[in-house]
Structures are given as C-alpha cells and as structure tokens.
Amino acid sequence: MNAENVMRLIPAMTVTEGAGVTVHRTIGTPALRSYDPFLLLDHIGSENPDDYMAGFPAHPHRGFNTFTYIIDGEMKHADSMGNTGNLGPGSAQWMKAASGVIHSEMPKQKDGLLRGFQLWINLPAANKMDVPEYQEYPAEAFPVLEKPGYRVKLIAGSLDKAVSPIVDNITQVVFLDVLVKPDKPFHYVLPKENASFLYVFEGDGQVNGKTVATHTLVTLGGADTSPVFTAGRQGARFILISGRPIHEPIVQHGPFVMNTRAEIDQAMQDYQSNSFVRERAWQHRNKSEGYIEKTQ
C-alpha cells in the first residue's frame, strides 16, 4: 500500500493569501505538502469582509489546474487575455493554466458570507505547456442526488449515472459536495489507484470510527477503498475529492509548478520579461444553456 494513501487527519491552518484573504489550508502545509495529484486546498468561509475583501489581484499560474467552487457569495474573475466572468453561489470554474495565465479573483460583495474552495491539481509534464482553457458553469448545471440520509452535489466527474459538465480527462478528478443528516452514514467506493480525501466544513462526524472535526481533512484510499462517514448529532457537510496520481517530480515556486528547476527559472524569466502568456485562453460553456463561450 502506498504510504501516501494511509488514512491521516490534517487540521486546517489559518493563513493569509492574495492581498490579505484569510483561508483555511490543509494541502500545501507542513503537515501535507502535496497529495499527488493535488497541490493545495484552500477553504474560504467568513461573514467578516475584512477576511476577504482584499481578494486576489492579478497573479500568474503555470503548469497546473485550479478549481474554484463557490458555495456562498460571489467572486468576479478576469485575466490578461480578456476573459471575464462571475462565480455566484453554487457555481464552479476549472481553469487549466498550463502554459500560463495571469488572472485575478475579486469579491463582488462588500458584506455577507463568502464561502468556497480552491483546489490546485497538478498536470503531467506532457501537458504543462498546453494551451490554457476554462470550464465554467453556474449552480443549476450540476447534478444533485438525493438519497435517504444524505444529499450529493456532483461538481466534477461522474457518480452513478450522473455526469458533471466539468470533466478532467487527465487526472479524472471526482469532486462531490456531500451533506449528511444527523447520525446518518455516507458510503462511497473509491478508485483503488486514486489519491482521495474528504474535508469537513460543517459539523463533524466519524470516518471508520475516527472522529473528524470541522476544518479537518482526511486522506483516504490505499487498502481501504470503501470508507464510511457517519455524521455527528448536528449533521455534517464535506467535500470528497479523488484523482489519479501523476507520479512525476514536482518543483514548485509559488504559482509555478513544473518538473525541473530549469523550467521554474524559465517561467520566472518569462513572467519578468512580459512573455509569460503564450496563447490566449478559451472558455468552454454551452450557449444553448445560456452560458457564454469565448474562443481564441
């Protein structure tokens, strides 16, 4: 069994990101630097505008995907190639930064609850310099499965016969938003070869008998591919994420994630010389469903 897939409980660290945004971080901390193919998991959740109003001004990415899921509130995003959009409650965006994107994410609200996640997913060496692209959809585009004792919103991948509009053909990520009623169980069969985890952001519960508090990540998989989560007396809500590992060297310098130091040096040189963005990103959205599509 891969030691990386042994069940571990990782409490979130509170850190400051962007221009002064308070986030709860689990992947990307000293306790869990990375979890192949996942590089970082940040959770925003506050009703205090001082915790989020500074936002994330223009910044670069190269060599990986970012996945943003907004639960409450609204964020506006824009990039140096002219793409813009709004992420409202329940919406999600998969951004393949690949060869390079410079973008910003700024709150569209001055008060109230802002809550959501950003997940960084690595790309294989063969795809790190691909053309950037977006997949972005509003809340109503994502299937919701109601079962006795729990509800699941499918944000990426597939579940039973349901398929999310956001599909990852490289690491085959599955992203579930799961609400479990008080004292009820939730069971999910994980792909044996995947790195998988859940992160509790409301309530608490137990995974295979181990107590899991709010703001705690649990690594899953390995020998046990059928974990059972049982909610506590107040119920629980968590995200469950699974993806196929890449098994390649990772060299990271801030927002650049490549395979070698020389590639990092090139990314920094490209950024400093204003030649970082090589090809225009494109957005994939369905016109027939009322979404906007932008191409190169």
Protein backbone atom coordinates (compact mmCIF):
# COMPACT_ATOMS: atom_id res chain seq x y z
CA MET A 1 0.00 0.00 0.00
CA ASN A 2 1.26 3.48 -0.87
CA ALA A 3 2.16 5.22 2.39
CA GLU A 4 0.67 8.43 0.95
CA ASN A 5 -2.75 6.77 0.99
CA VAL A 6 -2.76 5.78 4.68
CA MET A 7 -5.66 7.49 6.47
CA ARG A 8 -4.48 10.68 8.15
CA LEU A 9 -6.31 13.58 9.82
CA ILE A 10 -4.94 17.00 8.84
CA PRO A 11 -6.38 20.01 10.76
CA ALA A 12 -6.52 23.18 8.66
CA MET A 13 -4.05 26.01 9.18
CA THR A 14 -5.28 29.61 9.02
CA VAL A 15 -3.10 31.53 6.56
CA THR A 16 -3.27 34.81 4.64
CA GLU A 17 -3.34 34.65 0.83
CA GLY A 18 -3.74 37.08 -2.06
CA ALA A 19 -3.82 40.69 -0.88
CA GLY A 20 -4.96 39.69 2.60
CA VAL A 21 -7.58 36.93 2.40
CA THR A 22 -7.93 34.59 5.38
CA VAL A 23 -8.14 30.95 4.28
CA HIS A 24 -8.14 27.54 5.97
CA ARG A 25 -5.40 25.48 4.28
CA THR A 26 -4.82 21.74 4.54
CA ILE A 27 -2.97 20.53 1.42
CA GLY A 28 0.06 22.77 0.92
CA THR A 29 1.01 22.95 4.62
CA PRO A 30 3.94 21.46 6.56
CA ALA A 31 1.64 18.59 7.58
CA LEU A 32 0.75 17.75 3.96
CA ARG A 33 2.90 19.49 1.36
CA SER A 34 1.15 17.79 -1.55
CA TYR A 35 -1.05 14.78 -2.18
CA ASP A 36 -0.41 13.69 -5.76
CA PRO A 37 -2.03 14.98 -7.97
CA PHE A 38 -3.28 17.65 -5.53
CA LEU A 39 -1.01 20.58 -4.68
CA LEU A 40 -3.14 22.86 -2.50
CA LEU A 41 -6.58 23.11 -0.88
CA ASP A 42 -7.83 26.43 0.49
CA HIS A 43 -11.21 26.97 2.14
CA ILE A 44 -12.67 30.47 2.43
CA GLY A 45 -15.51 30.87 4.91
CA SER A 46 -16.32 34.15 6.64
CA GLU A 47 -19.04 36.74 7.13
CA ASN A 48 -16.41 39.35 8.01
CA PRO A 49 -15.49 41.40 4.91
CA ASP A 50 -12.08 42.13 6.43
CA ASP A 51 -11.29 38.45 5.87
CA TYR A 52 -11.94 38.50 2.11
CA MET A 53 -12.43 41.98 0.60
CA ALA A 54 -8.77 42.38 -0.45
CA GLY A 55 -9.27 39.47 -2.83
CA PHE A 56 -6.71 38.01 -5.19
CA PRO A 57 -5.37 40.73 -7.54
CA ALA A 58 -3.67 39.79 -10.82
CA HIS A 59 -1.24 36.92 -10.38
CA PRO A 60 0.29 34.25 -12.66
CA HIS A 61 -0.08 30.46 -12.82
CA ARG A 62 1.79 27.91 -14.91
CA GLY A 63 1.92 24.11 -15.00
CA PHE A 64 -1.29 23.05 -13.24
CA ASN A 65 -5.08 23.42 -12.98
CA THR A 66 -7.02 25.49 -10.47
CA PHE A 67 -10.55 24.52 -9.47
CA THR A 68 -12.74 27.12 -7.74
CA TYR A 69 -16.08 26.20 -6.16
CA ILE A 70 -18.18 28.99 -4.64
CA ILE A 71 -20.82 27.90 -2.12
CA ASP A 72 -22.00 31.30 -0.85
CA GLY A 73 -21.29 34.80 -2.10
CA GLU A 74 -19.91 36.00 -5.41
CA MET A 75 -16.48 36.40 -7.00
CA LYS A 76 -15.56 38.18 -10.22
CA HIS A 77 -12.63 36.85 -12.21
CA ALA A 78 -10.68 38.38 -15.08
CA ASP A 79 -7.47 37.63 -16.91
CA SER A 80 -4.91 39.43 -19.05
CA MET A 81 -6.38 37.86 -22.20
CA GLY A 82 -9.77 39.49 -21.87
CA ASN A 83 -11.74 36.66 -20.29
CA THR A 84 -14.12 37.73 -17.52
CA GLY A 85 -16.89 36.08 -15.55
CA ASN A 86 -18.78 35.91 -12.28
CA LEU A 87 -18.87 32.95 -9.92
CA GLY A 88 -22.09 33.05 -7.88
CA PRO A 89 -23.49 30.70 -5.22
CA GLY A 90 -23.08 27.06 -6.24
CA SER A 91 -21.01 27.76 -9.35
CA ALA A 92 -17.60 26.36 -10.25
CA GLN A 93 -14.68 27.02 -12.57
CA TRP A 94 -11.94 24.68 -13.77
CA MET A 95 -9.01 26.73 -15.07
CA LYS A 96 -6.27 24.90 -16.94
CA ALA A 97 -3.43 27.38 -16.51
CA ALA A 98 -0.96 25.10 -18.33
CA SER A 99 1.49 27.30 -20.34
CA GLY A 100 0.44 30.40 -18.46
CA VAL A 101 -2.44 32.59 -17.31
CA ILE A 102 -2.39 35.87 -15.40
CA HIS A 103 -5.71 36.35 -13.67
CA SER A 104 -7.49 37.93 -10.70
CA GLU A 105 -10.34 36.85 -8.42
CA MET A 106 -12.08 39.63 -6.52
CA PRO A 107 -15.21 39.55 -4.31
CA LYS A 108 -18.30 41.20 -5.81
CA GLN A 109 -19.79 41.79 -2.37
CA LYS A 110 -18.98 44.26 0.39
CA ASP A 111 -20.50 42.23 3.22
CA GLY A 112 -22.19 38.92 3.96
CA LEU A 113 -20.98 35.35 3.82
CA LEU A 114 -18.33 34.35 1.30
CA ARG A 115 -17.63 30.63 1.30
CA GLY A 116 -15.88 28.34 -1.14
CA PHE A 117 -12.82 26.33 -2.10
CA GLN A 118 -9.84 26.49 -4.37
CA LEU A 119 -8.03 23.28 -5.29
CA TRP A 120 -4.78 23.10 -7.27
CA ILE A 121 -4.34 19.96 -9.41
CA ASN A 122 -1.01 19.11 -10.99
CA LEU A 123 -0.53 18.47 -14.71
CA PRO A 124 1.81 15.85 -16.21
CA ALA A 125 4.96 17.09 -17.95
CA ALA A 126 3.35 16.33 -21.31
CA ASN A 127 0.53 18.82 -20.58
CA LYS A 128 2.22 21.58 -18.59
CA MET A 129 2.65 23.79 -21.66
CA ASP A 130 -0.76 23.11 -23.22
CA VAL A 131 -2.98 25.98 -24.33
CA PRO A 132 -4.86 27.40 -21.30
CA GLU A 133 -8.60 26.91 -21.05
CA TYR A 134 -11.59 27.34 -18.75
CA GLN A 135 -14.60 25.22 -17.90
CA GLU A 136 -17.16 27.30 -16.01
CA TYR A 137 -20.80 26.64 -15.07
CA PRO A 138 -23.50 28.04 -12.73
CA ALA A 139 -25.14 26.15 -9.87
CA GLU A 140 -28.01 24.70 -11.92
CA ALA A 141 -25.62 22.89 -14.26
CA PHE A 142 -24.51 20.42 -11.57
CA PRO A 143 -26.50 17.24 -10.82
CA VAL A 144 -27.85 16.75 -7.29
CA LEU A 145 -28.56 13.26 -5.98
CA GLU A 146 -30.97 12.91 -3.05
CA LYS A 147 -30.64 9.70 -1.06
CA PRO A 148 -32.03 8.57 2.31
CA GLY A 149 -29.80 10.23 4.89
CA TYR A 150 -27.71 12.40 2.57
CA ARG A 151 -27.53 14.68 -0.47
CA VAL A 152 -24.70 14.83 -3.00
CA LYS A 153 -23.95 17.61 -5.47
CA LEU A 154 -21.70 16.39 -8.28
CA ILE A 155 -19.21 19.16 -9.11
CA ALA A 156 -16.72 17.22 -11.27
CA GLY A 157 -16.58 13.73 -12.73
CA SER A 158 -19.37 11.16 -12.51
CA LEU A 159 -21.43 9.40 -9.86
CA ASP A 160 -23.86 6.55 -10.53
CA LYS A 161 -25.43 7.60 -13.85
CA ALA A 162 -24.95 11.33 -13.28
CA VAL A 163 -22.16 13.25 -15.06
CA SER A 164 -20.91 16.74 -14.23
CA PRO A 165 -20.37 19.20 -17.10
CA ILE A 166 -16.82 19.64 -15.75
CA VAL A 167 -14.69 16.71 -16.86
CA ASP A 168 -10.97 16.16 -16.25
CA ASN A 169 -9.58 13.77 -18.85
CA ILE A 170 -6.06 13.78 -17.39
CA THR A 171 -6.29 13.04 -13.66
CA GLN A 172 -10.00 12.09 -13.76
CA VAL A 173 -10.87 14.11 -10.68
CA VAL A 174 -14.19 13.49 -8.93
CA PHE A 175 -15.42 16.35 -6.71
CA LEU A 176 -18.50 15.82 -4.51
CA ASP A 177 -20.25 18.23 -2.13
CA VAL A 178 -21.90 15.94 0.45
CA LEU A 179 -24.49 16.86 3.09
CA VAL A 180 -25.17 14.10 5.64
CA LYS A 181 -28.10 14.24 8.05
CA PRO A 182 -27.52 13.85 11.82
CA ASP A 183 -26.26 10.40 12.84
CA LYS A 184 -26.62 9.07 9.26
CA PRO A 185 -23.90 7.29 7.29
CA PHE A 186 -22.46 8.03 3.84
CA HIS A 187 -20.57 5.37 1.93
CA TYR A 188 -18.55 5.80 -1.26
CA VAL A 189 -16.33 3.32 -3.12
CA LEU A 190 -13.03 4.97 -4.08
CA PRO A 191 -10.96 4.01 -7.13
CA LYS A 192 -8.17 1.85 -5.72
CA GLU A 193 -5.42 3.60 -7.69
CA ASN A 194 -6.51 7.14 -6.74
CA ALA A 195 -5.45 9.63 -4.11
CA SER A 196 -8.65 10.58 -2.28
CA PHE A 197 -9.64 12.79 0.65
CA LEU A 198 -12.56 14.48 2.34
CA TYR A 199 -12.67 17.83 4.10
CA VAL A 200 -15.34 18.64 6.67
CA PHE A 201 -16.53 22.26 6.62
CA GLU A 202 -19.80 21.97 8.56
CA GLY A 203 -20.48 19.88 11.63
CA ASP A 204 -18.45 16.80 12.43
CA GLY A 205 -18.54 13.03 12.24
CA GLN A 206 -16.53 9.84 12.15
CA VAL A 207 -14.64 8.03 9.40
CA ASN A 208 -14.19 4.34 10.13
CA GLY A 209 -14.53 5.09 13.85
CA LYS A 210 -12.15 8.09 13.95
CA THR A 211 -13.66 11.42 14.99
CA VAL A 212 -13.33 14.19 12.39
CA ALA A 213 -13.87 17.80 13.50
CA THR A 214 -14.81 20.81 11.38
CA HIS A 215 -11.95 22.17 9.22
CA THR A 216 -10.23 18.78 9.10
CA LEU A 217 -9.03 16.88 6.02
CA VAL A 218 -8.92 13.08 5.98
CA THR A 219 -6.74 11.25 3.47
CA LEU A 220 -8.43 8.12 2.14
CA GLY A 221 -7.66 5.12 -0.03
CA GLY A 222 -4.95 2.51 0.00
CA ALA A 223 -6.15 -0.78 1.45
CA ASP A 224 -9.50 0.74 2.45
CA THR A 225 -11.34 1.90 -0.67
CA SER A 226 -14.79 1.87 0.96
CA PRO A 227 -14.71 4.33 3.87
CA VAL A 228 -17.90 5.13 5.78
CA PHE A 229 -18.53 8.65 7.09
CA THR A 230 -21.11 8.90 9.88
CA ALA A 231 -22.35 12.39 10.73
CA GLY A 232 -22.50 13.68 14.29
CA ARG A 233 -25.59 14.87 16.12
CA GLN A 234 -25.74 18.17 14.19
CA GLY A 235 -25.13 16.55 10.80
CA ALA A 236 -22.16 17.33 8.59
CA ARG A 237 -21.15 18.69 5.22
CA PHE A 238 -17.91 17.92 3.46
CA ILE A 239 -16.23 17.78 0.07
CA LEU A 240 -15.00 14.41 -1.16
CA ILE A 241 -12.32 14.51 -3.85
CA SER A 242 -10.48 11.76 -5.71
CA GLY A 243 -7.94 11.86 -8.53
CA ARG A 244 -5.38 9.75 -10.33
CA PRO A 245 -1.75 10.39 -9.23
CA ILE A 246 0.78 11.53 -11.82
CA HIS A 247 3.93 10.08 -10.21
CA GLU A 248 6.33 12.72 -11.55
CA PRO A 249 8.81 15.07 -9.86
CA ILE A 250 7.30 18.32 -8.56
CA VAL A 251 9.31 21.53 -8.45
CA GLN A 252 7.22 24.43 -7.20
CA HIS A 253 7.97 28.10 -6.81
CA GLY A 254 4.85 29.92 -5.65
CA PRO A 255 2.34 29.89 -8.54
CA PHE A 256 4.66 27.97 -10.89
CA VAL A 257 4.65 24.14 -10.74
CA MET A 258 6.96 22.32 -13.13
CA ASN A 259 9.15 19.19 -13.21
CA THR A 260 12.63 20.75 -13.11
CA ARG A 261 14.34 23.80 -11.63
CA ALA A 262 15.29 24.93 -15.15
CA GLU A 263 11.58 25.04 -16.09
CA ILE A 264 10.85 27.15 -13.00
CA ASP A 265 13.66 29.52 -13.94
CA GLN A 266 12.19 29.81 -17.44
CA ALA A 267 8.73 30.55 -16.03
CA MET A 268 10.16 33.32 -13.84
CA GLN A 269 12.12 34.75 -16.76
CA ASP A 270 9.02 34.68 -18.98
CA TYR A 271 6.99 36.46 -16.33
CA GLN A 272 9.61 39.13 -15.71
CA SER A 273 10.02 39.77 -19.46
CA ASN A 274 6.24 40.05 -20.09
CA SER A 275 6.31 36.98 -22.37
CA PHE A 276 4.61 34.69 -19.86
CA VAL A 277 1.25 34.35 -21.62
CA ARG A 278 1.98 32.47 -24.84
CA GLU A 279 -1.51 31.66 -26.11
CA ARG A 280 -4.93 33.06 -25.40
CA ALA A 281 -7.07 31.02 -23.02
CA TRP A 282 -10.52 29.97 -24.12
CA GLN A 283 -13.71 29.38 -22.19
CA HIS A 284 -15.87 26.33 -22.79
CA ARG A 285 -19.52 26.98 -21.94
CA ASN A 286 -22.74 25.85 -23.53
CA LYS A 287 -24.56 28.59 -25.48
CA SER A 288 -27.76 26.57 -25.67
CA GLU A 289 -27.94 26.59 -21.86
CA GLY A 290 -27.42 30.33 -21.65
CA TYR A 291 -23.71 30.40 -20.94
CA ILE A 292 -21.17 32.50 -22.84
CA GLU A 293 -18.40 31.00 -24.94
CA LYS A 294 -15.17 32.82 -25.77
CA THR A 295 -12.57 31.42 -28.11
CA GLN A 296 -9.15 32.40 -29.32
